[in-house]
Amino acid sequence: MSEAKKAIVRELGFAGLMHIPPLRVHHKLLKELANSFKLGKNTLETSYGSFKVKPSTIWAALGLNASGDLFPEKVSYKELSEENKQIFRRFQGKTLKNLTDEMMSIGVENE
């Protein structure tokens, strides 16, 4: 990402997103996998049938952390600034789906 684009992302308040590593998987494959994955059953429904998917399989195949521990480096809450503590509390206990839904509900015209 160019420095100009990084500045825009920071200005919009999404600088934390720049720390997410780039995926090594084509977006069309990810979209197909997402559409075929049944979350409640942890199965992948394919034309060959359905099969159980483990987080270790996702990690091995795609290099994506699916274990639920998205931040292996733990943060010491006591060492955070008051501003960062407020941010931490805002996201505490949220799932990736909660966060995605929240982001998708934000309109472009909103500040």
N, C-alpha and C. Protein backbone atom coordinates (compact mmCIF):
# COMPACT_ATOMS: atom_id res chain seq x y z
N MET A 1 0.85 -1.17 0.00
CA MET A 1 0.00 0.00 0.00
C MET A 1 0.90 1.24 0.00
N SER A 2 0.56 2.21 -0.81
CA SER A 2 1.36 3.43 -0.89
C SER A 2 1.22 4.22 0.41
N GLU A 3 2.17 5.11 0.64
CA GLU A 3 2.13 5.95 1.84
C GLU A 3 0.89 6.84 1.86
N ALA A 4 0.47 7.31 0.69
CA ALA A 4 -0.73 8.15 0.62
C ALA A 4 -1.96 7.36 1.07
N LYS A 5 -2.07 6.11 0.60
CA LYS A 5 -3.20 5.28 1.00
C LYS A 5 -3.14 4.95 2.49
N LYS A 6 -1.93 4.70 3.00
CA LYS A 6 -1.78 4.43 4.43
C LYS A 6 -2.24 5.63 5.26
N ALA A 7 -1.91 6.82 4.78
CA ALA A 7 -2.33 8.04 5.49
C ALA A 7 -3.85 8.16 5.52
N ILE A 8 -4.50 7.82 4.42
CA ILE A 8 -5.97 7.86 4.36
C ILE A 8 -6.56 6.86 5.33
N VAL A 9 -6.01 5.64 5.36
CA VAL A 9 -6.50 4.60 6.26
C VAL A 9 -6.35 5.05 7.71
N ARG A 10 -5.21 5.63 8.05
CA ARG A 10 -4.99 6.13 9.42
C ARG A 10 -5.98 7.24 9.75
N GLU A 11 -6.19 8.16 8.80
CA GLU A 11 -7.11 9.28 9.01
C GLU A 11 -8.54 8.80 9.26
N LEU A 12 -8.93 7.72 8.59
CA LEU A 12 -10.27 7.17 8.77
C LEU A 12 -10.41 6.38 10.08
N GLY A 13 -9.28 6.14 10.75
CA GLY A 13 -9.33 5.43 12.03
C GLY A 13 -9.23 3.93 11.91
N PHE A 14 -8.72 3.43 10.78
CA PHE A 14 -8.61 1.99 10.56
C PHE A 14 -7.15 1.54 10.48
N ALA A 15 -6.26 2.23 11.16
CA ALA A 15 -4.83 1.91 11.08
C ALA A 15 -4.55 0.49 11.56
N GLY A 16 -5.35 -0.02 12.48
CA GLY A 16 -5.15 -1.38 12.98
C GLY A 16 -5.28 -2.43 11.90
N LEU A 17 -6.05 -2.14 10.86
CA LEU A 17 -6.22 -3.10 9.77
C LEU A 17 -4.93 -3.31 8.97
N MET A 18 -4.02 -2.35 9.03
CA MET A 18 -2.78 -2.48 8.29
C MET A 18 -1.87 -3.53 8.89
N HIS A 19 -2.17 -3.98 10.10
CA HIS A 19 -1.34 -4.99 10.76
C HIS A 19 -1.81 -6.41 10.45
N ILE A 20 -2.89 -6.55 9.69
CA ILE A 20 -3.36 -7.87 9.29
C ILE A 20 -2.51 -8.31 8.12
N PRO A 21 -1.88 -9.48 8.22
CA PRO A 21 -1.01 -9.91 7.13
C PRO A 21 -1.81 -10.19 5.85
N PRO A 22 -1.21 -9.94 4.70
CA PRO A 22 -1.92 -10.23 3.44
C PRO A 22 -2.15 -11.73 3.29
N LEU A 23 -3.30 -12.10 2.74
CA LEU A 23 -3.62 -13.50 2.53
C LEU A 23 -2.94 -13.99 1.27
N ARG A 24 -2.51 -15.24 1.31
CA ARG A 24 -1.85 -15.83 0.14
C ARG A 24 -2.84 -16.67 -0.66
N VAL A 25 -4.11 -16.34 -0.56
CA VAL A 25 -5.15 -17.12 -1.21
C VAL A 25 -5.98 -16.19 -2.09
N HIS A 26 -6.26 -16.61 -3.31
CA HIS A 26 -7.04 -15.79 -4.23
C HIS A 26 -8.44 -15.57 -3.65
N HIS A 27 -8.96 -14.36 -3.81
CA HIS A 27 -10.25 -14.01 -3.20
C HIS A 27 -11.39 -14.86 -3.74
N LYS A 28 -11.32 -15.32 -4.98
CA LYS A 28 -12.39 -16.17 -5.52
C LYS A 28 -12.44 -17.51 -4.81
N LEU A 29 -11.26 -18.05 -4.47
CA LEU A 29 -11.22 -19.31 -3.73
C LEU A 29 -11.77 -19.11 -2.32
N LEU A 30 -11.39 -18.01 -1.69
CA LEU A 30 -11.91 -17.72 -0.34
C LEU A 30 -13.42 -17.56 -0.36
N LYS A 31 -13.94 -16.90 -1.38
CA LYS A 31 -15.38 -16.71 -1.50
C LYS A 31 -16.09 -18.05 -1.67
N GLU A 32 -15.55 -18.91 -2.51
CA GLU A 32 -16.13 -20.23 -2.72
C GLU A 32 -16.10 -21.06 -1.45
N LEU A 33 -14.99 -21.01 -0.73
CA LEU A 33 -14.88 -21.74 0.53
C LEU A 33 -15.88 -21.21 1.55
N ALA A 34 -16.01 -19.89 1.62
CA ALA A 34 -16.94 -19.29 2.57
C ALA A 34 -18.37 -19.70 2.26
N ASN A 35 -18.72 -19.75 0.98
CA ASN A 35 -20.07 -20.13 0.59
C ASN A 35 -20.34 -21.62 0.82
N SER A 36 -19.30 -22.44 0.82
CA SER A 36 -19.46 -23.88 0.97
C SER A 36 -19.34 -24.34 2.41
N PHE A 37 -18.81 -23.48 3.28
CA PHE A 37 -18.57 -23.88 4.67
C PHE A 37 -19.83 -23.70 5.50
N LYS A 38 -20.19 -24.72 6.24
CA LYS A 38 -21.35 -24.68 7.13
C LYS A 38 -20.83 -24.53 8.56
N LEU A 39 -20.98 -23.32 9.09
CA LEU A 39 -20.38 -22.97 10.38
C LEU A 39 -20.90 -23.81 11.53
N GLY A 40 -22.21 -24.02 11.61
CA GLY A 40 -22.77 -24.78 12.72
C GLY A 40 -22.28 -26.20 12.80
N LYS A 41 -21.94 -26.77 11.66
CA LYS A 41 -21.50 -28.17 11.60
C LYS A 41 -19.99 -28.31 11.44
N ASN A 42 -19.29 -27.21 11.15
CA ASN A 42 -17.86 -27.23 10.82
C ASN A 42 -17.57 -28.20 9.68
N THR A 43 -18.40 -28.13 8.65
CA THR A 43 -18.21 -28.99 7.49
C THR A 43 -18.11 -28.15 6.23
N LEU A 44 -17.45 -28.73 5.26
CA LEU A 44 -17.33 -28.12 3.95
C LEU A 44 -18.17 -28.95 3.00
N GLU A 45 -19.18 -28.32 2.39
CA GLU A 45 -20.09 -29.02 1.47
C GLU A 45 -19.54 -28.84 0.06
N THR A 46 -19.15 -29.96 -0.57
CA THR A 46 -18.61 -29.91 -1.92
C THR A 46 -19.39 -30.84 -2.83
N SER A 47 -19.06 -30.82 -4.11
CA SER A 47 -19.72 -31.73 -5.05
C SER A 47 -19.32 -33.18 -4.78
N TYR A 48 -18.25 -33.38 -4.00
CA TYR A 48 -17.81 -34.72 -3.63
C TYR A 48 -18.45 -35.19 -2.34
N GLY A 49 -19.25 -34.35 -1.72
CA GLY A 49 -19.87 -34.65 -0.45
C GLY A 49 -19.43 -33.64 0.60
N SER A 50 -19.77 -33.90 1.84
CA SER A 50 -19.36 -32.98 2.90
C SER A 50 -18.36 -33.68 3.81
N PHE A 51 -17.46 -32.88 4.35
CA PHE A 51 -16.49 -33.44 5.29
C PHE A 51 -16.16 -32.43 6.36
N LYS A 52 -15.79 -32.96 7.53
CA LYS A 52 -15.47 -32.14 8.69
C LYS A 52 -14.16 -31.41 8.45
N VAL A 53 -14.11 -30.16 8.85
CA VAL A 53 -12.91 -29.35 8.68
C VAL A 53 -12.41 -28.94 10.06
N LYS A 54 -11.13 -29.20 10.31
CA LYS A 54 -10.50 -28.82 11.57
C LYS A 54 -9.67 -27.55 11.36
N PRO A 55 -9.50 -26.75 12.41
CA PRO A 55 -8.66 -25.55 12.28
C PRO A 55 -7.26 -25.87 11.77
N SER A 56 -6.70 -27.01 12.18
CA SER A 56 -5.35 -27.37 11.73
C SER A 56 -5.31 -27.61 10.22
N THR A 57 -6.43 -28.11 9.66
CA THR A 57 -6.50 -28.33 8.22
C THR A 57 -6.52 -27.00 7.48
N ILE A 58 -7.28 -26.05 8.00
CA ILE A 58 -7.34 -24.72 7.38
C ILE A 58 -5.97 -24.07 7.42
N TRP A 59 -5.29 -24.20 8.56
CA TRP A 59 -3.94 -23.62 8.70
C TRP A 59 -2.99 -24.25 7.69
N ALA A 60 -3.03 -25.59 7.58
CA ALA A 60 -2.11 -26.28 6.67
C ALA A 60 -2.38 -25.94 5.21
N ALA A 61 -3.66 -25.84 4.84
CA ALA A 61 -4.01 -25.62 3.44
C ALA A 61 -3.87 -24.17 3.00
N LEU A 62 -4.29 -23.25 3.85
CA LEU A 62 -4.38 -21.85 3.44
C LEU A 62 -3.43 -20.92 4.18
N GLY A 63 -2.85 -21.40 5.26
CA GLY A 63 -2.00 -20.51 6.06
C GLY A 63 -2.80 -19.52 6.86
N LEU A 64 -4.10 -19.83 7.11
CA LEU A 64 -4.97 -18.95 7.89
C LEU A 64 -5.15 -19.50 9.29
N ASN A 65 -5.06 -18.64 10.28
CA ASN A 65 -5.27 -19.05 11.66
C ASN A 65 -6.76 -19.15 11.91
N ALA A 66 -7.24 -20.37 12.08
CA ALA A 66 -8.67 -20.59 12.32
C ALA A 66 -8.90 -21.17 13.70
N SER A 67 -7.92 -21.05 14.57
CA SER A 67 -8.03 -21.66 15.90
C SER A 67 -8.85 -20.82 16.86
N GLY A 68 -9.18 -19.61 16.48
CA GLY A 68 -9.91 -18.73 17.38
C GLY A 68 -8.96 -17.81 18.14
N ASP A 69 -7.67 -18.15 18.19
CA ASP A 69 -6.68 -17.31 18.85
C ASP A 69 -6.00 -16.48 17.77
N LEU A 70 -6.64 -15.36 17.41
CA LEU A 70 -6.15 -14.55 16.31
C LEU A 70 -4.94 -13.70 16.67
N PHE A 71 -4.69 -13.56 17.96
CA PHE A 71 -3.58 -12.74 18.41
C PHE A 71 -2.70 -13.57 19.35
N PRO A 72 -1.78 -14.37 18.79
CA PRO A 72 -0.96 -15.24 19.62
C PRO A 72 -0.07 -14.47 20.60
N GLU A 73 0.28 -13.23 20.26
CA GLU A 73 1.07 -12.41 21.18
C GLU A 73 0.09 -11.71 22.12
N LYS A 74 0.10 -12.08 23.37
CA LYS A 74 -0.86 -11.55 24.32
C LYS A 74 -0.51 -10.12 24.73
N VAL A 75 -1.55 -9.36 25.00
CA VAL A 75 -1.40 -7.97 25.40
C VAL A 75 -1.65 -7.88 26.90
N SER A 76 -0.78 -7.17 27.59
CA SER A 76 -0.98 -6.95 29.02
C SER A 76 -1.90 -5.74 29.19
N TYR A 77 -3.10 -6.01 29.66
CA TYR A 77 -4.10 -4.95 29.82
C TYR A 77 -3.58 -3.85 30.74
N LYS A 78 -2.86 -4.22 31.78
CA LYS A 78 -2.36 -3.24 32.75
C LYS A 78 -1.37 -2.26 32.14
N GLU A 79 -0.69 -2.68 31.07
CA GLU A 79 0.33 -1.82 30.45
C GLU A 79 -0.25 -0.91 29.36
N LEU A 80 -1.54 -1.05 29.06
CA LEU A 80 -2.15 -0.22 28.02
C LEU A 80 -2.46 1.18 28.53
N SER A 81 -2.44 2.14 27.61
CA SER A 81 -2.86 3.50 27.96
C SER A 81 -4.37 3.49 28.17
N GLU A 82 -4.90 4.54 28.77
CA GLU A 82 -6.35 4.60 29.02
C GLU A 82 -7.13 4.56 27.71
N GLU A 83 -6.61 5.24 26.68
CA GLU A 83 -7.27 5.23 25.37
C GLU A 83 -7.31 3.82 24.79
N ASN A 84 -6.18 3.11 24.88
CA ASN A 84 -6.13 1.74 24.36
C ASN A 84 -6.98 0.78 25.20
N LYS A 85 -7.13 1.05 26.48
CA LYS A 85 -8.01 0.22 27.32
C LYS A 85 -9.46 0.36 26.87
N GLN A 86 -9.86 1.57 26.50
CA GLN A 86 -11.22 1.78 26.00
C GLN A 86 -11.44 1.01 24.70
N ILE A 87 -10.45 1.04 23.81
CA ILE A 87 -10.54 0.30 22.55
C ILE A 87 -10.61 -1.20 22.84
N PHE A 88 -9.77 -1.66 23.75
CA PHE A 88 -9.74 -3.08 24.11
C PHE A 88 -11.10 -3.53 24.63
N ARG A 89 -11.70 -2.73 25.52
CA ARG A 89 -13.01 -3.09 26.09
C ARG A 89 -14.10 -3.12 25.02
N ARG A 90 -13.98 -2.25 24.02
CA ARG A 90 -14.98 -2.20 22.96
C ARG A 90 -15.01 -3.49 22.14
N PHE A 91 -13.85 -4.12 21.95
CA PHE A 91 -13.77 -5.32 21.13
C PHE A 91 -13.76 -6.61 21.96
N GLN A 92 -13.66 -6.49 23.25
CA GLN A 92 -13.58 -7.66 24.11
C GLN A 92 -14.83 -8.53 23.99
N GLY A 93 -14.63 -9.81 23.77
CA GLY A 93 -15.74 -10.76 23.70
C GLY A 93 -16.46 -10.81 22.36
N LYS A 94 -16.02 -10.02 21.40
CA LYS A 94 -16.67 -10.01 20.08
C LYS A 94 -16.08 -11.13 19.22
N THR A 95 -16.92 -11.71 18.41
CA THR A 95 -16.44 -12.71 17.45
C THR A 95 -16.14 -12.01 16.13
N LEU A 96 -15.47 -12.73 15.25
CA LEU A 96 -15.16 -12.16 13.95
C LEU A 96 -16.45 -11.81 13.20
N LYS A 97 -17.47 -12.63 13.36
CA LYS A 97 -18.76 -12.35 12.72
C LYS A 97 -19.37 -11.08 13.27
N ASN A 98 -19.32 -10.88 14.60
CA ASN A 98 -19.84 -9.65 15.20
C ASN A 98 -19.13 -8.42 14.62
N LEU A 99 -17.81 -8.50 14.55
CA LEU A 99 -17.03 -7.37 14.05
C LEU A 99 -17.31 -7.12 12.57
N THR A 100 -17.43 -8.19 11.79
CA THR A 100 -17.74 -8.05 10.36
C THR A 100 -19.10 -7.41 10.17
N ASP A 101 -20.10 -7.90 10.91
CA ASP A 101 -21.44 -7.33 10.81
C ASP A 101 -21.44 -5.85 11.18
N GLU A 102 -20.68 -5.52 12.22
CA GLU A 102 -20.61 -4.13 12.67
C GLU A 102 -19.99 -3.24 11.58
N MET A 103 -18.93 -3.73 10.96
CA MET A 103 -18.26 -2.96 9.90
C MET A 103 -19.16 -2.82 8.68
N MET A 104 -19.89 -3.87 8.33
CA MET A 104 -20.75 -3.83 7.15
C MET A 104 -21.94 -2.91 7.35
N SER A 105 -22.33 -2.69 8.60
CA SER A 105 -23.48 -1.84 8.87
C SER A 105 -23.13 -0.35 8.83
N ILE A 106 -21.85 -0.05 8.80
CA ILE A 106 -21.43 1.35 8.73
C ILE A 106 -21.60 1.85 7.30
N GLY A 107 -22.38 2.87 7.14
CA GLY A 107 -22.60 3.44 5.82
C GLY A 107 -21.43 4.32 5.39
N VAL A 108 -21.24 4.46 4.12
CA VAL A 108 -20.15 5.28 3.60
C VAL A 108 -20.35 6.74 3.98
N GLU A 109 -21.59 7.17 4.07
CA GLU A 109 -21.84 8.58 4.37
C GLU A 109 -21.62 8.90 5.85
N ASN A 110 -21.50 7.89 6.71
CA ASN A 110 -21.27 8.14 8.13
C ASN A 110 -19.84 8.60 8.36
N GLU A 111 -19.63 9.30 9.47
CA GLU A 111 -18.28 9.75 9.79
C GLU A 111 -17.47 8.59 10.32
